[in-house]
C-alpha atoms as a PDB file:
ATOM      1  CA  MET A   1     -40.630-140.312  89.880  1.00  0.00           C
ATOM      2  CA  SER A   2     -39.982-140.145  93.597  1.00  0.00           C
ATOM      3  CA  LEU A   3     -40.946-142.965  95.925  1.00  0.00           C
ATOM      4  CA  MET A   4     -43.555-140.828  97.673  1.00  0.00           C
ATOM      5  CA  SER A   5     -45.541-139.985  94.538  1.00  0.00           C
ATOM      6  CA  ASN A   6     -45.261-143.591  93.353  1.00  0.00           C
ATOM      7  CA  GLU A   7     -46.753-144.893  96.602  1.00  0.00           C
ATOM      8  CA  SER A   8     -49.756-142.588  96.322  1.00  0.00           C
ATOM      9  CA  VAL A   9     -50.794-144.302  93.067  1.00  0.00           C
ATOM     10  CA  GLN A  10     -52.542-147.616  93.699  1.00  0.00           C
ATOM     11  CA  PRO A  11     -51.115-150.533  91.671  1.00  0.00           C
ATOM     12  CA  TYR A  12     -54.432-150.966  89.828  1.00  0.00           C
ATOM     13  CA  GLN A  13     -54.376-147.255  88.878  1.00  0.00           C
ATOM     14  CA  ARG A  14     -50.948-147.732  87.282  1.00  0.00           C
ATOM     15  CA  ILE A  15     -52.422-150.446  85.057  1.00  0.00           C
ATOM     16  CA  VAL A  16     -55.481-148.320  84.196  1.00  0.00           C
ATOM     17  CA  GLN A  17     -53.246-145.365  83.273  1.00  0.00           C
ATOM     18  CA  ASP A  18     -50.907-147.566  81.249  1.00  0.00           C
ATOM     19  CA  VAL A  19     -53.749-149.115  79.236  1.00  0.00           C
ATOM     20  CA  ARG A  20     -55.280-145.633  78.699  1.00  0.00           C
ATOM     21  CA  ASP A  21     -51.931-144.327  77.447  1.00  0.00           C
ATOM     22  CA  LYS A  22     -51.539-147.293  75.069  1.00  0.00           C
ATOM     23  CA  ILE A  23     -55.035-146.643  73.656  1.00  0.00           C
ATOM     24  CA  ARG A  24     -54.399-142.889  73.288  1.00  0.00           C
ATOM     25  CA  SER A  25     -51.057-143.479  71.565  1.00  0.00           C
ATOM     26  CA  GLY A  26     -52.608-146.012  69.184  1.00  0.00           C
ATOM     27  CA  ARG A  27     -50.592-148.993  70.462  1.00  0.00           C
ATOM     28  CA  LEU A  28     -53.912-150.579  71.453  1.00  0.00           C
ATOM     29  CA  THR A  29     -56.663-150.131  68.876  1.00  0.00           C
ATOM     30  CA  ALA A  30     -60.391-150.953  68.744  1.00  0.00           C
ATOM     31  CA  GLY A  31     -61.035-154.678  68.948  1.00  0.00           C
ATOM     32  CA  THR A  32     -57.562-155.496  70.275  1.00  0.00           C
ATOM     33  CA  LYS A  33     -57.598-158.295  72.842  1.00  0.00           C
ATOM     34  CA  LEU A  34     -55.817-157.444  76.084  1.00  0.00           C
ATOM     35  CA  PRO A  35     -53.447-159.967  77.662  1.00  0.00           C
ATOM     36  CA  SER A  36     -55.053-162.366  80.150  1.00  0.00           C
ATOM     37  CA  THR A  37     -55.429-161.450  83.817  1.00  0.00           C
ATOM     38  CA  ARG A  38     -52.575-163.843  84.624  1.00  0.00           C
ATOM     39  CA  GLU A  39     -50.303-162.315  81.948  1.00  0.00           C
ATOM     40  CA  LEU A  40     -51.071-158.777  83.143  1.00  0.00           C
ATOM     41  CA  ALA A  41     -50.512-159.805  86.774  1.00  0.00           C
ATOM     42  CA  ASP A  42     -47.079-161.192  85.820  1.00  0.00           C
ATOM     43  CA  GLU A  43     -46.256-158.161  83.640  1.00  0.00           C
ATOM     44  CA  TYR A  44     -47.045-155.657  86.406  1.00  0.00           C
ATOM     45  CA  GLY A  45     -45.937-157.832  89.314  1.00  0.00           C
ATOM     46  CA  VAL A  46     -49.331-157.658  91.030  1.00  0.00           C
ATOM     47  CA  ALA A  47     -52.018-160.080  92.220  1.00  0.00           C
ATOM     48  CA  PRO A  48     -54.755-161.151  89.749  1.00  0.00           C
ATOM     49  CA  GLY A  49     -57.308-159.313  91.916  1.00  0.00           C
ATOM     50  CA  THR A  50     -55.430-156.053  91.299  1.00  0.00           C
ATOM     51  CA  VAL A  51     -55.628-156.644  87.540  1.00  0.00           C
ATOM     52  CA  GLN A  52     -59.344-157.439  87.810  1.00  0.00           C
ATOM     53  CA  ARG A  53     -59.912-154.166  89.665  1.00  0.00           C
ATOM     54  CA  ALA A  54     -58.072-152.276  86.903  1.00  0.00           C
ATOM     55  CA  LEU A  55     -60.102-154.047  84.198  1.00  0.00           C
ATOM     56  CA  ALA A  56     -63.334-153.230  86.049  1.00  0.00           C
ATOM     57  CA  GLU A  57     -62.380-149.548  86.093  1.00  0.00           C
ATOM     58  CA  LEU A  58     -61.509-149.616  82.381  1.00  0.00           C
ATOM     59  CA  ARG A  59     -64.906-151.244  81.668  1.00  0.00           C
ATOM     60  CA  VAL A  60     -66.747-148.566  83.662  1.00  0.00           C
ATOM     61  CA  GLY A  61     -64.789-145.937  81.738  1.00  0.00           C
ATOM     62  CA  GLY A  62     -65.976-147.450  78.450  1.00  0.00           C
ATOM     63  CA  LEU A  63     -62.451-148.254  77.269  1.00  0.00           C
ATOM     64  CA  ILE A  64     -62.783-152.037  77.254  1.00  0.00           C
ATOM     65  CA  TYR A  65     -65.454-154.714  77.268  1.00  0.00           C
ATOM     66  CA  SER A  66     -65.112-158.294  78.451  1.00  0.00           C
ATOM     67  CA  HIS A  67     -66.502-161.573  77.155  1.00  0.00           C
ATOM     68  CA  GLN A  68     -66.719-164.388  79.702  1.00  0.00           C
ATOM     69  CA  GLY A  69     -64.136-166.973  78.740  1.00  0.00           C
ATOM     70  CA  ARG A  70     -62.789-164.954  75.796  1.00  0.00           C
ATOM     71  CA  GLY A  71     -61.055-162.044  77.475  1.00  0.00           C
ATOM     72  CA  SER A  72     -61.108-158.263  77.423  1.00  0.00           C
ATOM     73  CA  PHE A  73     -61.057-156.130  74.296  1.00  0.00           C
ATOM     74  CA  VAL A  74     -60.619-152.431  73.476  1.00  0.00           C
ATOM     75  CA  THR A  75     -63.995-150.821  72.619  1.00  0.00           C
ATOM     76  CA  GLU A  76     -64.675-149.112  69.285  1.00  0.00           C
ATOM     77  CA  THR A  77     -65.032-145.730  70.982  1.00  0.00           C
ATOM     78  CA  ALA A  78     -61.998-146.001  73.285  1.00  0.00           C
ATOM     79  CA  SER A  79     -59.504-144.790  70.723  1.00  0.00           C
ATOM     80  CA  GLU A  80     -61.512-141.651  69.955  1.00  0.00           C
ATOM     81  CA  SER A  81     -59.842-138.862  71.851  1.00  0.00           C
ATOM     82  CA  SER A  82     -62.005-136.770  74.127  1.00  0.00           C
ATOM     83  CA  GLU A  83     -61.356-133.809  71.788  1.00  0.00           C
ATOM     84  CA  ASP A  84     -62.987-135.731  68.935  1.00  0.00           C
ATOM     85  CA  SER A  85     -66.101-136.517  70.923  1.00  0.00           C
ATOM     86  CA  THR A  86     -66.277-132.932  72.232  1.00  0.00           C
ATOM     87  CA  ALA A  87     -65.993-131.563  68.694  1.00  0.00           C
ATOM     88  CA  ARG A  88     -68.760-133.902  67.526  1.00  0.00           C
ATOM     89  CA  ALA A  89     -71.002-132.900  70.436  1.00  0.00           C
ATOM     90  CA  LEU A  90     -70.461-129.207  69.634  1.00  0.00           C
ATOM     91  CA  LYS A  91     -71.242-129.821  65.957  1.00  0.00           C
ATOM     92  CA  ARG A  92     -74.504-131.581  66.929  1.00  0.00           C
ATOM     93  CA  LEU A  93     -75.437-128.638  69.171  1.00  0.00           C
ATOM     94  CA  GLU A  94     -74.664-126.142  66.408  1.00  0.00           C
ATOM     95  CA  ASP A  95     -76.852-128.121  63.994  1.00  0.00           C
ATOM     96  CA  GLN A  96     -79.698-128.221  66.533  1.00  0.00           C
ATOM     97  CA  VAL A  97     -79.454-124.470  67.167  1.00  0.00           C
ATOM     98  CA  SER A  98     -79.482-123.759  63.406  1.00  0.00           C
ATOM     99  CA  ASP A  99     -82.552-125.948  63.032  1.00  0.00           C
ATOM    100  CA  LEU A 100     -84.328-124.184  65.921  1.00  0.00           C
ATOM    101  CA  VAL A 101     -83.466-120.743  64.532  1.00  0.00           C
ATOM    102  CA  ALA A 102     -84.904-121.719  61.137  1.00  0.00           C
ATOM    103  CA  ARG A 103     -88.107-123.000  62.764  1.00  0.00           C
ATOM    104  CA  LEU A 104     -88.438-119.873  64.870  1.00  0.00           C
ATOM    105  CA  GLU A 105     -88.043-117.641  61.802  1.00  0.00           C
ATOM    106  CA  LYS A 106     -90.831-119.577  60.055  1.00  0.00           C
ATOM    107  CA  ILE A 107     -93.103-119.122  63.059  1.00  0.00           C
ATOM    108  CA  GLU A 108     -92.332-115.382  63.284  1.00  0.00           C
ATOM    109  CA  LYS A 109     -93.012-114.921  59.527  1.00  0.00           C
ATOM    110  CA  GLY A 110     -96.306-116.800  59.879  1.00  0.00           C
ATOM    111  CA  ARG A 111     -97.409-114.512  62.695  1.00  0.00           C
ATOM    112  CA  ASN A 112     -96.502-111.320  60.862  1.00  0.00           C
ATOM    113  CA  ALA A 113     -98.143-112.332  57.583  1.00  0.00           C
END
């Protein structure tokens, strides 16, 4: 990676991306406790505030949740890839369409009887 492209990525974004990659690859699984803010700050060589910003973004993205005084943990749904959730959403839509078609056919038969 060149220096220029590295500078365009904020330090907190590097942490967010790294945690995302660890979840996607299965190195971090649902319920796993993340290291403390201090440990992450030391690991990435950044200020605790930078880590907190990264954790806030991961929370908003639904990848982690935090318990006051206990730490941050990977959510149950974080490890589901976006393809999985897309496939499930499509399956739900297909089921709904099938149901609507069946209802419509009943209504049409009732009218023509």
